[in-house]
N, C-alpha and C. Protein backbone atom coordinates (compact mmCIF):
# COMPACT_ATOMS: atom_id res chain seq x y z
N MET A 1 -30.52 -189.40 -113.68
CA MET A 1 -29.88 -190.02 -112.51
C MET A 1 -30.85 -191.00 -111.86
N GLN A 2 -30.35 -192.14 -111.42
CA GLN A 2 -31.20 -193.14 -110.83
C GLN A 2 -31.87 -192.63 -109.56
N GLY A 3 -31.15 -191.79 -108.79
CA GLY A 3 -31.70 -191.31 -107.54
C GLY A 3 -32.95 -190.45 -107.70
N LEU A 4 -33.18 -189.92 -108.93
CA LEU A 4 -34.33 -189.09 -109.17
C LEU A 4 -35.55 -189.89 -109.61
N LYS A 5 -35.37 -191.16 -109.90
CA LYS A 5 -36.48 -191.98 -110.34
C LYS A 5 -37.41 -192.29 -109.16
N GLN A 6 -38.70 -192.40 -109.45
CA GLN A 6 -39.67 -192.76 -108.43
C GLN A 6 -39.46 -194.21 -108.02
N LEU A 7 -39.28 -194.43 -106.73
CA LEU A 7 -39.10 -195.77 -106.22
C LEU A 7 -40.41 -196.25 -105.62
N ARG A 8 -40.67 -197.54 -105.71
CA ARG A 8 -41.91 -198.07 -105.17
C ARG A 8 -41.71 -199.54 -104.81
N VAL A 9 -42.65 -200.07 -104.05
CA VAL A 9 -42.68 -201.51 -103.77
C VAL A 9 -43.32 -202.18 -104.98
N ILE A 10 -42.67 -203.21 -105.50
CA ILE A 10 -43.11 -203.83 -106.75
C ILE A 10 -44.28 -204.77 -106.56
N SER A 11 -44.25 -205.57 -105.49
CA SER A 11 -45.28 -206.60 -105.35
C SER A 11 -45.52 -206.94 -103.88
N GLY A 12 -46.60 -207.68 -103.63
CA GLY A 12 -46.89 -208.15 -102.28
C GLY A 12 -47.80 -207.22 -101.50
N GLN A 13 -47.69 -207.33 -100.19
CA GLN A 13 -48.57 -206.61 -99.26
C GLN A 13 -48.58 -205.10 -99.49
N ALA A 14 -47.42 -204.51 -99.78
CA ALA A 14 -47.30 -203.06 -99.95
C ALA A 14 -47.13 -202.67 -101.41
N LYS A 15 -47.61 -203.50 -102.31
CA LYS A 15 -47.45 -203.27 -103.75
C LYS A 15 -47.87 -201.86 -104.17
N GLY A 16 -46.99 -201.23 -104.96
CA GLY A 16 -47.28 -199.92 -105.51
C GLY A 16 -47.00 -198.76 -104.58
N HIS A 17 -46.64 -199.05 -103.33
CA HIS A 17 -46.41 -197.97 -102.37
C HIS A 17 -45.11 -197.25 -102.70
N PRO A 18 -45.15 -195.92 -102.81
CA PRO A 18 -43.92 -195.17 -103.09
C PRO A 18 -42.95 -195.20 -101.91
N LEU A 19 -41.65 -195.17 -102.23
CA LEU A 19 -40.61 -195.16 -101.21
C LEU A 19 -39.83 -193.86 -101.29
N LYS A 20 -39.54 -193.29 -100.15
CA LYS A 20 -38.74 -192.08 -100.11
C LYS A 20 -37.29 -192.41 -100.42
N ALA A 21 -36.61 -191.51 -101.12
CA ALA A 21 -35.19 -191.66 -101.43
C ALA A 21 -34.36 -190.91 -100.41
N VAL A 22 -33.10 -191.30 -100.28
CA VAL A 22 -32.19 -190.60 -99.38
C VAL A 22 -31.71 -189.32 -100.08
N PRO A 23 -31.81 -188.17 -99.45
CA PRO A 23 -31.38 -186.92 -100.09
C PRO A 23 -29.90 -186.96 -100.47
N GLY A 24 -29.55 -186.27 -101.56
CA GLY A 24 -28.18 -186.22 -102.00
C GLY A 24 -27.85 -187.30 -102.99
N SER A 25 -26.59 -187.36 -103.40
CA SER A 25 -26.16 -188.29 -104.44
C SER A 25 -25.30 -189.42 -103.91
N ALA A 26 -25.11 -189.49 -102.59
CA ALA A 26 -24.22 -190.51 -102.04
C ALA A 26 -24.84 -191.91 -102.10
N THR A 27 -26.17 -191.98 -102.06
CA THR A 27 -26.86 -193.28 -102.07
C THR A 27 -27.36 -193.58 -103.47
N ARG A 28 -27.13 -194.82 -103.92
CA ARG A 28 -27.53 -195.26 -105.26
C ARG A 28 -28.60 -196.34 -105.09
N PRO A 29 -29.87 -195.94 -105.06
CA PRO A 29 -30.92 -196.93 -104.81
C PRO A 29 -31.09 -197.89 -105.99
N THR A 30 -31.50 -199.11 -105.68
CA THR A 30 -31.79 -200.08 -106.72
C THR A 30 -33.07 -199.66 -107.45
N THR A 31 -33.00 -199.51 -108.76
CA THR A 31 -34.16 -199.06 -109.53
C THR A 31 -35.24 -200.14 -109.52
N ASP A 32 -36.47 -199.73 -109.82
CA ASP A 32 -37.58 -200.67 -109.83
C ASP A 32 -37.35 -201.78 -110.85
N LYS A 33 -36.80 -201.42 -112.01
CA LYS A 33 -36.57 -202.42 -113.06
C LYS A 33 -35.60 -203.50 -112.60
N VAL A 34 -34.50 -203.07 -111.98
CA VAL A 34 -33.52 -204.03 -111.50
C VAL A 34 -34.09 -204.84 -110.34
N LYS A 35 -34.83 -204.17 -109.45
CA LYS A 35 -35.42 -204.86 -108.29
C LYS A 35 -36.40 -205.94 -108.74
N GLU A 36 -37.21 -205.61 -109.72
CA GLU A 36 -38.18 -206.59 -110.23
C GLU A 36 -37.48 -207.79 -110.83
N ALA A 37 -36.43 -207.55 -111.61
CA ALA A 37 -35.67 -208.65 -112.21
C ALA A 37 -34.97 -209.48 -111.14
N LEU A 38 -34.43 -208.81 -110.14
CA LEU A 38 -33.72 -209.49 -109.05
C LEU A 38 -34.64 -210.45 -108.31
N PHE A 39 -35.83 -209.99 -107.95
CA PHE A 39 -36.74 -210.85 -107.20
C PHE A 39 -37.32 -211.96 -108.06
N SER A 40 -37.38 -211.76 -109.35
CA SER A 40 -37.83 -212.86 -110.21
C SER A 40 -36.79 -213.97 -110.24
N MET A 41 -35.51 -213.61 -110.00
CA MET A 41 -34.44 -214.60 -109.99
C MET A 41 -34.33 -215.34 -108.67
N ILE A 42 -34.54 -214.64 -107.55
CA ILE A 42 -34.32 -215.30 -106.26
C ILE A 42 -35.60 -215.94 -105.72
N GLY A 43 -36.71 -215.69 -106.35
CA GLY A 43 -37.98 -216.24 -105.88
C GLY A 43 -38.96 -215.12 -105.69
N PRO A 44 -40.08 -215.16 -106.40
CA PRO A 44 -41.00 -214.02 -106.38
C PRO A 44 -41.62 -213.75 -105.02
N TYR A 45 -41.90 -214.80 -104.23
CA TYR A 45 -42.57 -214.61 -102.94
C TYR A 45 -41.96 -215.53 -101.89
N PHE A 46 -42.19 -215.17 -100.61
CA PHE A 46 -41.62 -215.92 -99.49
C PHE A 46 -42.72 -216.28 -98.51
N ASP A 47 -42.64 -217.48 -97.97
CA ASP A 47 -43.68 -217.89 -97.01
C ASP A 47 -43.18 -218.96 -96.05
N ASP A 48 -41.86 -218.98 -95.82
CA ASP A 48 -41.30 -220.04 -94.99
C ASP A 48 -40.47 -219.47 -93.85
N GLY A 49 -40.90 -218.33 -93.31
CA GLY A 49 -40.22 -217.75 -92.15
C GLY A 49 -38.86 -217.16 -92.45
N GLU A 50 -38.67 -216.63 -93.64
CA GLU A 50 -37.36 -216.10 -94.01
C GLU A 50 -36.96 -214.89 -93.17
N ARG A 51 -35.69 -214.89 -92.76
CA ARG A 51 -35.09 -213.74 -92.09
C ARG A 51 -34.16 -213.05 -93.07
N VAL A 52 -34.26 -211.74 -93.16
CA VAL A 52 -33.56 -210.96 -94.18
C VAL A 52 -32.57 -210.01 -93.52
N LEU A 53 -31.39 -209.89 -94.15
CA LEU A 53 -30.39 -208.90 -93.74
C LEU A 53 -30.14 -207.97 -94.91
N ASP A 54 -30.43 -206.67 -94.72
CA ASP A 54 -30.15 -205.64 -95.72
C ASP A 54 -29.02 -204.81 -95.14
N LEU A 55 -27.78 -205.15 -95.54
CA LEU A 55 -26.61 -204.67 -94.81
C LEU A 55 -26.20 -203.24 -95.16
N PHE A 56 -26.38 -202.82 -96.39
CA PHE A 56 -26.13 -201.44 -96.80
C PHE A 56 -27.48 -200.90 -97.25
N ALA A 57 -28.34 -200.61 -96.30
CA ALA A 57 -29.77 -200.50 -96.57
C ALA A 57 -30.15 -199.36 -97.51
N GLY A 58 -29.48 -198.20 -97.40
CA GLY A 58 -29.87 -197.08 -98.25
C GLY A 58 -31.29 -196.65 -97.96
N THR A 59 -32.19 -196.81 -98.92
CA THR A 59 -33.61 -196.50 -98.73
C THR A 59 -34.36 -197.63 -98.03
N GLY A 60 -33.72 -198.81 -97.96
CA GLY A 60 -34.38 -199.99 -97.41
C GLY A 60 -35.22 -200.72 -98.45
N GLY A 61 -35.10 -200.32 -99.73
CA GLY A 61 -35.96 -200.86 -100.76
C GLY A 61 -35.91 -202.36 -100.94
N LEU A 62 -34.72 -202.96 -100.82
CA LEU A 62 -34.61 -204.40 -101.03
C LEU A 62 -35.23 -205.18 -99.88
N GLY A 63 -34.87 -204.82 -98.66
CA GLY A 63 -35.44 -205.51 -97.51
C GLY A 63 -36.94 -205.30 -97.41
N ILE A 64 -37.42 -204.10 -97.72
CA ILE A 64 -38.85 -203.82 -97.69
C ILE A 64 -39.58 -204.64 -98.74
N GLU A 65 -38.98 -204.77 -99.91
CA GLU A 65 -39.59 -205.60 -100.96
C GLU A 65 -39.73 -207.04 -100.48
N ALA A 66 -38.70 -207.56 -99.82
CA ALA A 66 -38.76 -208.93 -99.30
C ALA A 66 -39.85 -209.08 -98.25
N LEU A 67 -39.97 -208.09 -97.35
CA LEU A 67 -41.02 -208.14 -96.34
C LEU A 67 -42.41 -208.09 -96.99
N SER A 68 -42.56 -207.22 -97.97
CA SER A 68 -43.84 -207.11 -98.67
C SER A 68 -44.23 -208.43 -99.32
N ARG A 69 -43.23 -209.20 -99.76
CA ARG A 69 -43.48 -210.46 -100.45
C ARG A 69 -43.58 -211.64 -99.49
N GLY A 70 -43.57 -211.38 -98.19
CA GLY A 70 -43.86 -212.43 -97.24
C GLY A 70 -42.75 -212.86 -96.32
N ALA A 71 -41.56 -212.27 -96.41
CA ALA A 71 -40.49 -212.62 -95.48
C ALA A 71 -40.94 -212.31 -94.05
N GLU A 72 -40.47 -213.12 -93.10
CA GLU A 72 -40.94 -212.99 -91.72
C GLU A 72 -40.41 -211.76 -91.02
N SER A 73 -39.12 -211.45 -91.22
CA SER A 73 -38.50 -210.33 -90.53
C SER A 73 -37.29 -209.85 -91.30
N ALA A 74 -36.85 -208.63 -91.00
CA ALA A 74 -35.68 -208.07 -91.67
C ALA A 74 -34.91 -207.16 -90.73
N VAL A 75 -33.59 -207.20 -90.89
CA VAL A 75 -32.71 -206.29 -90.15
C VAL A 75 -32.05 -205.38 -91.18
N PHE A 76 -32.16 -204.07 -90.95
CA PHE A 76 -31.61 -203.06 -91.85
C PHE A 76 -30.42 -202.39 -91.17
N ILE A 77 -29.29 -202.33 -91.88
CA ILE A 77 -28.08 -201.70 -91.33
C ILE A 77 -27.59 -200.65 -92.31
N ASP A 78 -27.27 -199.46 -91.81
CA ASP A 78 -26.59 -198.46 -92.63
C ASP A 78 -25.83 -197.53 -91.69
N SER A 79 -24.71 -197.02 -92.19
CA SER A 79 -23.88 -196.13 -91.36
C SER A 79 -24.33 -194.68 -91.45
N SER A 80 -25.21 -194.37 -92.40
CA SER A 80 -25.65 -192.99 -92.61
C SER A 80 -26.91 -192.69 -91.78
N PRO A 81 -26.89 -191.62 -90.98
CA PRO A 81 -28.09 -191.27 -90.22
C PRO A 81 -29.26 -190.90 -91.13
N GLN A 82 -28.96 -190.30 -92.30
CA GLN A 82 -30.03 -189.96 -93.24
C GLN A 82 -30.69 -191.22 -93.77
N SER A 83 -29.88 -192.23 -94.11
CA SER A 83 -30.43 -193.48 -94.62
C SER A 83 -31.27 -194.18 -93.57
N VAL A 84 -30.78 -194.22 -92.35
CA VAL A 84 -31.52 -194.88 -91.28
C VAL A 84 -32.88 -194.22 -91.08
N GLU A 85 -32.93 -192.89 -91.13
CA GLU A 85 -34.19 -192.18 -90.97
C GLU A 85 -35.14 -192.49 -92.13
N VAL A 86 -34.60 -192.54 -93.37
CA VAL A 86 -35.44 -192.84 -94.53
C VAL A 86 -35.98 -194.26 -94.45
N VAL A 87 -35.13 -195.21 -94.05
CA VAL A 87 -35.59 -196.60 -93.90
C VAL A 87 -36.75 -196.67 -92.91
N ARG A 88 -36.59 -196.02 -91.78
CA ARG A 88 -37.65 -196.05 -90.77
C ARG A 88 -38.95 -195.44 -91.29
N ARG A 89 -38.84 -194.34 -92.01
CA ARG A 89 -40.04 -193.71 -92.56
C ARG A 89 -40.69 -194.59 -93.62
N ASN A 90 -39.87 -195.25 -94.44
CA ASN A 90 -40.43 -196.13 -95.46
C ASN A 90 -41.11 -197.35 -94.84
N LEU A 91 -40.53 -197.87 -93.78
CA LEU A 91 -41.14 -199.00 -93.08
C LEU A 91 -42.48 -198.61 -92.45
N GLU A 92 -42.51 -197.43 -91.87
CA GLU A 92 -43.75 -196.97 -91.24
C GLU A 92 -44.83 -196.74 -92.30
N SER A 93 -44.47 -196.12 -93.41
CA SER A 93 -45.47 -195.80 -94.43
C SER A 93 -46.00 -197.04 -95.14
N THR A 94 -45.17 -198.09 -95.20
CA THR A 94 -45.62 -199.34 -95.82
C THR A 94 -46.26 -200.29 -94.81
N LYS A 95 -46.30 -199.85 -93.53
CA LYS A 95 -46.89 -200.64 -92.44
C LYS A 95 -46.15 -201.97 -92.24
N LEU A 96 -44.84 -201.93 -92.42
CA LEU A 96 -44.00 -203.12 -92.24
C LEU A 96 -43.02 -202.96 -91.09
N ALA A 97 -43.13 -201.86 -90.36
CA ALA A 97 -42.16 -201.58 -89.29
C ALA A 97 -42.17 -202.65 -88.20
N GLY A 98 -43.32 -203.29 -87.97
CA GLY A 98 -43.41 -204.31 -86.92
C GLY A 98 -42.61 -205.56 -87.22
N LYS A 99 -42.17 -205.72 -88.46
CA LYS A 99 -41.40 -206.91 -88.84
C LYS A 99 -39.93 -206.58 -89.03
N ALA A 100 -39.51 -205.37 -88.62
CA ALA A 100 -38.16 -204.92 -88.96
C ALA A 100 -37.43 -204.33 -87.77
N SER A 101 -36.10 -204.39 -87.83
CA SER A 101 -35.21 -203.71 -86.90
C SER A 101 -34.23 -202.90 -87.73
N VAL A 102 -33.98 -201.66 -87.33
CA VAL A 102 -33.13 -200.75 -88.08
C VAL A 102 -32.02 -200.25 -87.18
N TYR A 103 -30.77 -200.34 -87.66
CA TYR A 103 -29.63 -199.91 -86.84
C TYR A 103 -28.68 -199.05 -87.67
N ARG A 104 -28.17 -198.02 -87.02
CA ARG A 104 -27.10 -197.24 -87.63
C ARG A 104 -25.77 -197.81 -87.15
N ASN A 105 -25.00 -198.35 -88.07
CA ASN A 105 -23.72 -198.96 -87.70
C ASN A 105 -22.91 -199.24 -88.94
N ASP A 106 -21.61 -199.34 -88.77
CA ASP A 106 -20.73 -199.82 -89.82
C ASP A 106 -21.02 -201.29 -90.05
N ALA A 107 -20.91 -201.74 -91.31
CA ALA A 107 -21.29 -203.11 -91.66
C ALA A 107 -20.57 -204.15 -90.81
N ARG A 108 -19.27 -204.04 -90.70
CA ARG A 108 -18.52 -205.09 -89.99
C ARG A 108 -18.74 -205.02 -88.49
N ARG A 109 -18.89 -203.85 -87.95
CA ARG A 109 -19.21 -203.76 -86.52
C ARG A 109 -20.60 -204.34 -86.26
N ALA A 110 -21.50 -204.10 -87.21
CA ALA A 110 -22.85 -204.63 -87.05
C ALA A 110 -22.85 -206.15 -87.02
N LEU A 111 -21.98 -206.77 -87.82
CA LEU A 111 -21.93 -208.23 -87.85
C LEU A 111 -21.50 -208.80 -86.49
N LYS A 112 -20.61 -208.10 -85.82
CA LYS A 112 -20.18 -208.55 -84.49
C LYS A 112 -21.34 -208.52 -83.51
N VAL A 113 -22.18 -207.50 -83.63
CA VAL A 113 -23.34 -207.39 -82.75
C VAL A 113 -24.37 -208.46 -83.09
N LEU A 114 -24.63 -208.64 -84.38
CA LEU A 114 -25.64 -209.61 -84.82
C LEU A 114 -25.24 -211.04 -84.47
N GLU A 115 -23.93 -211.30 -84.44
CA GLU A 115 -23.45 -212.64 -84.11
C GLU A 115 -23.95 -213.09 -82.74
N LYS A 116 -24.08 -212.14 -81.82
CA LYS A 116 -24.49 -212.47 -80.46
C LYS A 116 -25.92 -213.01 -80.40
N SER A 117 -26.73 -212.68 -81.40
CA SER A 117 -28.11 -213.15 -81.40
C SER A 117 -28.20 -214.63 -81.73
N GLY A 118 -27.19 -215.15 -82.45
CA GLY A 118 -27.18 -216.56 -82.81
C GLY A 118 -28.26 -216.95 -83.80
N ARG A 119 -28.80 -215.97 -84.53
CA ARG A 119 -29.89 -216.25 -85.48
C ARG A 119 -29.42 -215.93 -86.90
N PRO A 120 -29.25 -216.95 -87.74
CA PRO A 120 -28.77 -216.73 -89.10
C PRO A 120 -29.85 -216.17 -90.02
N PHE A 121 -29.41 -215.66 -91.16
CA PHE A 121 -30.31 -215.07 -92.14
C PHE A 121 -30.46 -215.97 -93.37
N ASP A 122 -31.65 -215.96 -93.94
CA ASP A 122 -31.94 -216.77 -95.12
C ASP A 122 -31.73 -216.00 -96.41
N LEU A 123 -31.81 -214.67 -96.34
CA LEU A 123 -31.67 -213.82 -97.51
C LEU A 123 -30.83 -212.61 -97.13
N ILE A 124 -29.72 -212.42 -97.85
CA ILE A 124 -28.75 -211.37 -97.50
C ILE A 124 -28.57 -210.45 -98.70
N PHE A 125 -28.78 -209.16 -98.49
CA PHE A 125 -28.59 -208.17 -99.54
C PHE A 125 -27.34 -207.34 -99.25
N LEU A 126 -26.45 -207.26 -100.23
CA LEU A 126 -25.28 -206.39 -100.13
C LEU A 126 -25.29 -205.45 -101.33
N ASP A 127 -25.59 -204.18 -101.07
CA ASP A 127 -25.57 -203.16 -102.13
C ASP A 127 -24.72 -202.00 -101.64
N PRO A 128 -23.40 -202.24 -101.52
CA PRO A 128 -22.51 -201.25 -100.92
C PRO A 128 -22.14 -200.15 -101.92
N PRO A 129 -21.45 -199.11 -101.46
CA PRO A 129 -20.90 -198.12 -102.39
C PRO A 129 -20.00 -198.81 -103.42
N TYR A 130 -20.00 -198.30 -104.64
CA TYR A 130 -19.24 -198.96 -105.70
C TYR A 130 -17.75 -199.02 -105.43
N MET A 131 -17.24 -198.16 -104.55
CA MET A 131 -15.82 -198.20 -104.22
C MET A 131 -15.46 -199.47 -103.45
N MET A 132 -16.43 -200.10 -102.86
CA MET A 132 -16.19 -201.33 -102.09
C MET A 132 -16.14 -202.52 -103.03
N LYS A 133 -15.06 -203.26 -102.97
CA LYS A 133 -14.86 -204.36 -103.91
C LYS A 133 -14.54 -205.68 -103.21
N ASP A 134 -14.90 -205.80 -101.93
CA ASP A 134 -14.56 -207.01 -101.19
C ASP A 134 -15.80 -207.66 -100.57
N CYS A 135 -16.89 -207.68 -101.32
CA CYS A 135 -18.12 -208.30 -100.81
C CYS A 135 -17.94 -209.80 -100.59
N ASP A 136 -17.02 -210.42 -101.32
CA ASP A 136 -16.76 -211.84 -101.09
C ASP A 136 -16.17 -212.05 -99.70
N ALA A 137 -15.26 -211.17 -99.29
CA ALA A 137 -14.70 -211.27 -97.94
C ALA A 137 -15.76 -211.00 -96.89
N LEU A 138 -16.65 -210.06 -97.19
CA LEU A 138 -17.71 -209.74 -96.24
C LEU A 138 -18.69 -210.90 -96.09
N LEU A 139 -19.05 -211.55 -97.20
CA LEU A 139 -19.93 -212.72 -97.13
C LEU A 139 -19.26 -213.86 -96.37
N THR A 140 -17.96 -214.03 -96.58
CA THR A 140 -17.23 -215.06 -95.85
C THR A 140 -17.29 -214.80 -94.35
N GLU A 141 -17.13 -213.53 -93.97
CA GLU A 141 -17.22 -213.18 -92.54
C GLU A 141 -18.62 -213.44 -92.00
N ILE A 142 -19.63 -213.12 -92.79
CA ILE A 142 -21.01 -213.37 -92.39
C ILE A 142 -21.21 -214.85 -92.08
N ALA A 143 -20.68 -215.71 -92.96
CA ALA A 143 -20.81 -217.15 -92.75
C ALA A 143 -20.01 -217.60 -91.54
N GLU A 144 -18.79 -217.09 -91.39
CA GLU A 144 -17.95 -217.50 -90.28
C GLU A 144 -18.54 -217.10 -88.93
N ARG A 145 -19.33 -216.06 -88.92
CA ARG A 145 -19.98 -215.61 -87.68
C ARG A 145 -21.32 -216.30 -87.46
N GLY A 146 -21.63 -217.28 -88.32
CA GLY A 146 -22.86 -218.05 -88.15
C GLY A 146 -24.12 -217.30 -88.53
N LEU A 147 -23.97 -216.30 -89.41
CA LEU A 147 -25.11 -215.47 -89.79
C LEU A 147 -25.72 -215.84 -91.13
N ALA A 148 -25.20 -216.87 -91.77
CA ALA A 148 -25.77 -217.36 -93.03
C ALA A 148 -26.40 -218.72 -92.78
N ALA A 149 -27.70 -218.82 -92.99
CA ALA A 149 -28.40 -220.09 -92.81
C ALA A 149 -28.02 -221.05 -93.94
N GLU A 150 -28.24 -222.35 -93.70
CA GLU A 150 -28.03 -223.31 -94.78
C GLU A 150 -28.93 -222.97 -95.96
N SER A 151 -28.36 -222.99 -97.14
CA SER A 151 -29.06 -222.66 -98.39
C SER A 151 -29.49 -221.20 -98.46
N ALA A 152 -28.85 -220.35 -97.67
CA ALA A 152 -29.14 -218.92 -97.72
C ALA A 152 -28.81 -218.38 -99.11
N ILE A 153 -29.56 -217.35 -99.51
CA ILE A 153 -29.31 -216.66 -100.77
C ILE A 153 -28.68 -215.31 -100.45
N ALA A 154 -27.58 -215.00 -101.14
CA ALA A 154 -26.92 -213.71 -100.97
C ALA A 154 -26.94 -212.98 -102.31
N VAL A 155 -27.36 -211.73 -102.29
CA VAL A 155 -27.44 -210.91 -103.50
C VAL A 155 -26.44 -209.77 -103.37
N VAL A 156 -25.52 -209.68 -104.33
CA VAL A 156 -24.50 -208.63 -104.33
C VAL A 156 -24.71 -207.75 -105.55
N GLU A 157 -24.92 -206.46 -105.33
CA GLU A 157 -24.96 -205.49 -106.43
C GLU A 157 -23.59 -204.83 -106.51
N HIS A 158 -23.06 -204.74 -107.73
CA HIS A 158 -21.72 -204.18 -107.89
C HIS A 158 -21.55 -203.62 -109.30
N HIS A 159 -20.47 -202.92 -109.51
CA HIS A 159 -20.17 -202.39 -110.84
C HIS A 159 -19.76 -203.55 -111.74
N PRO A 160 -20.15 -203.55 -113.02
CA PRO A 160 -19.79 -204.65 -113.92
C PRO A 160 -18.28 -204.86 -114.06
N ASP A 161 -17.50 -203.81 -113.79
CA ASP A 161 -16.05 -203.95 -113.89
C ASP A 161 -15.45 -204.72 -112.71
N VAL A 162 -16.22 -204.87 -111.64
CA VAL A 162 -15.76 -205.62 -110.47
C VAL A 162 -16.09 -207.10 -110.67
N SER A 163 -15.07 -207.94 -110.57
CA SER A 163 -15.25 -209.37 -110.78
C SER A 163 -15.13 -210.12 -109.46
N TYR A 164 -16.18 -210.91 -109.14
CA TYR A 164 -16.16 -211.73 -107.93
C TYR A 164 -16.01 -213.20 -108.31
N PRO A 165 -15.41 -214.02 -107.42
CA PRO A 165 -15.24 -215.45 -107.71
C PRO A 165 -16.59 -216.14 -107.86
N GLU A 166 -16.59 -217.21 -108.63
CA GLU A 166 -17.81 -218.00 -108.77
C GLU A 166 -18.11 -218.81 -107.52
N ALA A 167 -17.07 -219.14 -106.75
CA ALA A 167 -17.27 -219.91 -105.52
C ALA A 167 -16.21 -219.52 -104.50
N PHE A 168 -16.63 -219.41 -103.24
CA PHE A 168 -15.71 -219.08 -102.15
C PHE A 168 -16.42 -219.34 -100.83
N GLY A 169 -15.71 -219.84 -99.85
CA GLY A 169 -16.19 -219.95 -98.48
C GLY A 169 -17.58 -220.52 -98.29
N GLY A 170 -17.96 -221.48 -99.11
CA GLY A 170 -19.29 -222.07 -98.99
C GLY A 170 -20.33 -221.40 -99.87
N PHE A 171 -19.99 -220.30 -100.51
CA PHE A 171 -20.90 -219.60 -101.41
C PHE A 171 -20.61 -220.00 -102.86
N GLU A 172 -21.65 -220.26 -103.61
CA GLU A 172 -21.53 -220.59 -105.01
C GLU A 172 -22.45 -219.70 -105.82
N ARG A 173 -21.90 -219.04 -106.84
CA ARG A 173 -22.72 -218.14 -107.64
C ARG A 173 -23.63 -218.94 -108.57
N THR A 174 -24.91 -218.61 -108.52
CA THR A 174 -25.89 -219.32 -109.33
C THR A 174 -26.46 -218.46 -110.45
N ARG A 175 -26.42 -217.14 -110.29
CA ARG A 175 -26.93 -216.25 -111.33
C ARG A 175 -26.05 -215.01 -111.41
N TYR A 176 -25.91 -214.50 -112.63
CA TYR A 176 -25.24 -213.23 -112.84
C TYR A 176 -26.03 -212.46 -113.89
N ALA A 177 -26.33 -211.19 -113.61
CA ALA A 177 -27.08 -210.38 -114.55
C ALA A 177 -26.48 -208.98 -114.58
N LYS A 178 -26.52 -208.36 -115.77
CA LYS A 178 -26.01 -207.01 -115.91
C LYS A 178 -27.10 -206.13 -116.51
N TYR A 179 -27.30 -204.98 -115.88
CA TYR A 179 -28.29 -204.02 -116.33
C TYR A 179 -27.60 -202.66 -116.47
N GLY A 180 -27.07 -202.39 -117.64
CA GLY A 180 -26.33 -201.16 -117.84
C GLY A 180 -25.10 -201.10 -116.96
N ASP A 181 -25.05 -200.13 -116.04
CA ASP A 181 -23.88 -199.99 -115.17
C ASP A 181 -24.08 -200.66 -113.82
N ILE A 182 -25.05 -201.58 -113.74
CA ILE A 182 -25.29 -202.34 -112.51
C ILE A 182 -25.16 -203.83 -112.81
N ALA A 183 -24.40 -204.54 -112.00
CA ALA A 183 -24.30 -206.00 -112.11
C ALA A 183 -24.84 -206.61 -110.83
N VAL A 184 -25.46 -207.77 -110.95
CA VAL A 184 -26.00 -208.49 -109.81
C VAL A 184 -25.45 -209.91 -109.81
N SER A 185 -24.80 -210.29 -108.73
CA SER A 185 -24.31 -211.66 -108.54
C SER A 185 -25.12 -212.30 -107.41
N ILE A 186 -25.69 -213.46 -107.68
CA ILE A 186 -26.51 -214.16 -106.69
C ILE A 186 -25.81 -215.45 -106.29
N TYR A 187 -25.64 -215.63 -104.98
CA TYR A 187 -24.94 -216.79 -104.43
C TYR A 187 -25.86 -217.62 -103.54
N ARG A 188 -25.58 -218.90 -103.49
CA ARG A 188 -26.24 -219.78 -102.52
C ARG A 188 -25.17 -220.31 -101.57
N TYR A 189 -25.51 -220.36 -100.28
CA TYR A 189 -24.55 -220.80 -99.27
C TYR A 189 -24.86 -222.21 -98.77
N GLU A 190 -23.84 -223.05 -98.74
CA GLU A 190 -23.91 -224.37 -98.11
C GLU A 190 -22.63 -224.53 -97.30
N SER A 191 -22.75 -224.82 -96.02
CA SER A 191 -21.58 -224.84 -95.14
C SER A 191 -20.57 -225.91 -95.50
N ASN A 192 -21.01 -226.99 -96.13
CA ASN A 192 -20.07 -228.07 -96.48
C ASN A 192 -19.63 -228.00 -97.93
N GLN A 193 -19.92 -226.89 -98.58
CA GLN A 193 -19.59 -226.74 -100.00
C GLN A 193 -18.15 -226.28 -100.16
N GLU A 194 -17.43 -226.91 -101.04
CA GLU A 194 -16.05 -226.54 -101.31
C GLU A 194 -16.01 -225.70 -102.58
N ALA A 195 -15.09 -224.74 -102.59
CA ALA A 195 -14.95 -223.89 -103.76
C ALA A 195 -14.64 -224.72 -104.99
N SER A 196 -15.29 -224.37 -106.08
CA SER A 196 -15.11 -225.11 -107.32
C SER A 196 -14.99 -224.16 -108.48
N ALA A 197 -14.08 -224.44 -109.39
CA ALA A 197 -13.89 -223.59 -110.56
C ALA A 197 -14.89 -223.93 -111.65
N GLY A 198 -15.60 -225.01 -111.52
CA GLY A 198 -16.49 -225.47 -112.57
C GLY A 198 -17.95 -225.20 -112.28
N THR A 199 -18.26 -224.06 -111.70
CA THR A 199 -19.62 -223.73 -111.33
C THR A 199 -20.50 -223.51 -112.54
N THR A 200 -21.71 -224.02 -112.50
CA THR A 200 -22.69 -223.75 -113.53
C THR A 200 -23.43 -222.48 -113.15
N MET A 201 -23.50 -221.53 -114.08
CA MET A 201 -24.07 -220.24 -113.76
C MET A 201 -24.88 -219.71 -114.93
N GLU A 202 -26.04 -219.15 -114.62
CA GLU A 202 -26.84 -218.51 -115.64
C GLU A 202 -26.47 -217.04 -115.70
N THR A 203 -26.35 -216.49 -116.93
CA THR A 203 -25.97 -215.11 -117.12
C THR A 203 -27.03 -214.40 -117.93
N GLU A 204 -27.34 -213.19 -117.51
CA GLU A 204 -28.32 -212.38 -118.22
C GLU A 204 -27.76 -211.00 -118.42
N GLU A 205 -28.26 -210.30 -119.43
CA GLU A 205 -27.85 -208.93 -119.66
C GLU A 205 -29.04 -208.17 -120.21
N ALA A 206 -29.22 -206.96 -119.71
CA ALA A 206 -30.32 -206.13 -120.17
C ALA A 206 -29.88 -204.69 -120.11
N ASN A 207 -30.62 -203.83 -120.76
CA ASN A 207 -30.32 -202.40 -120.76
C ASN A 207 -31.15 -201.70 -119.71
N GLU A 208 -30.49 -200.96 -118.86
CA GLU A 208 -31.17 -200.16 -117.83
C GLU A 208 -30.86 -198.70 -118.11
N ARG A 209 -31.84 -197.96 -118.53
CA ARG A 209 -31.63 -196.56 -118.91
C ARG A 209 -32.01 -195.64 -117.76
């Protein structure tokens, strides 16, 4: 089971630091192998004041990895009290808590609250439960609420059987990769971009055991 694998920070300031997992089987953390491949696709390091949104935070592994690699700040959202506690403990143990805010809230309610800040995000992680199949609608709402910066990168983890559009609401898919029973769709956001059926996209596939 993926949840039993040792999780760690792959690179950057907190490289090699182990991360606590959320107890039980409800949370499906991103494995180190997938996380490493994901960050190689979106950019190995950050140094331009990036703001990160980890909307279904789980262990906080994705947002913490971004902070370790130089992102300026991150907001972690999860509806589970166990997940929120694990995220906070992982941030403290990696000494990244000063760059993060953690909230227990439903994803869509959280977006309403975040909208009031008027500060968009440069990197958005969506790793929801596999039963959720409307991440495209959620990303559209994020953009409509002014929470997606120009040229923002959005990363969606989903089951390979779930198919998302190549372009919608200003988002255009630039990369798609499959690792066993995990698929990753990476989008770039431009507010003046119109949906197009002729998107150029790189596709990768690997085995994740």
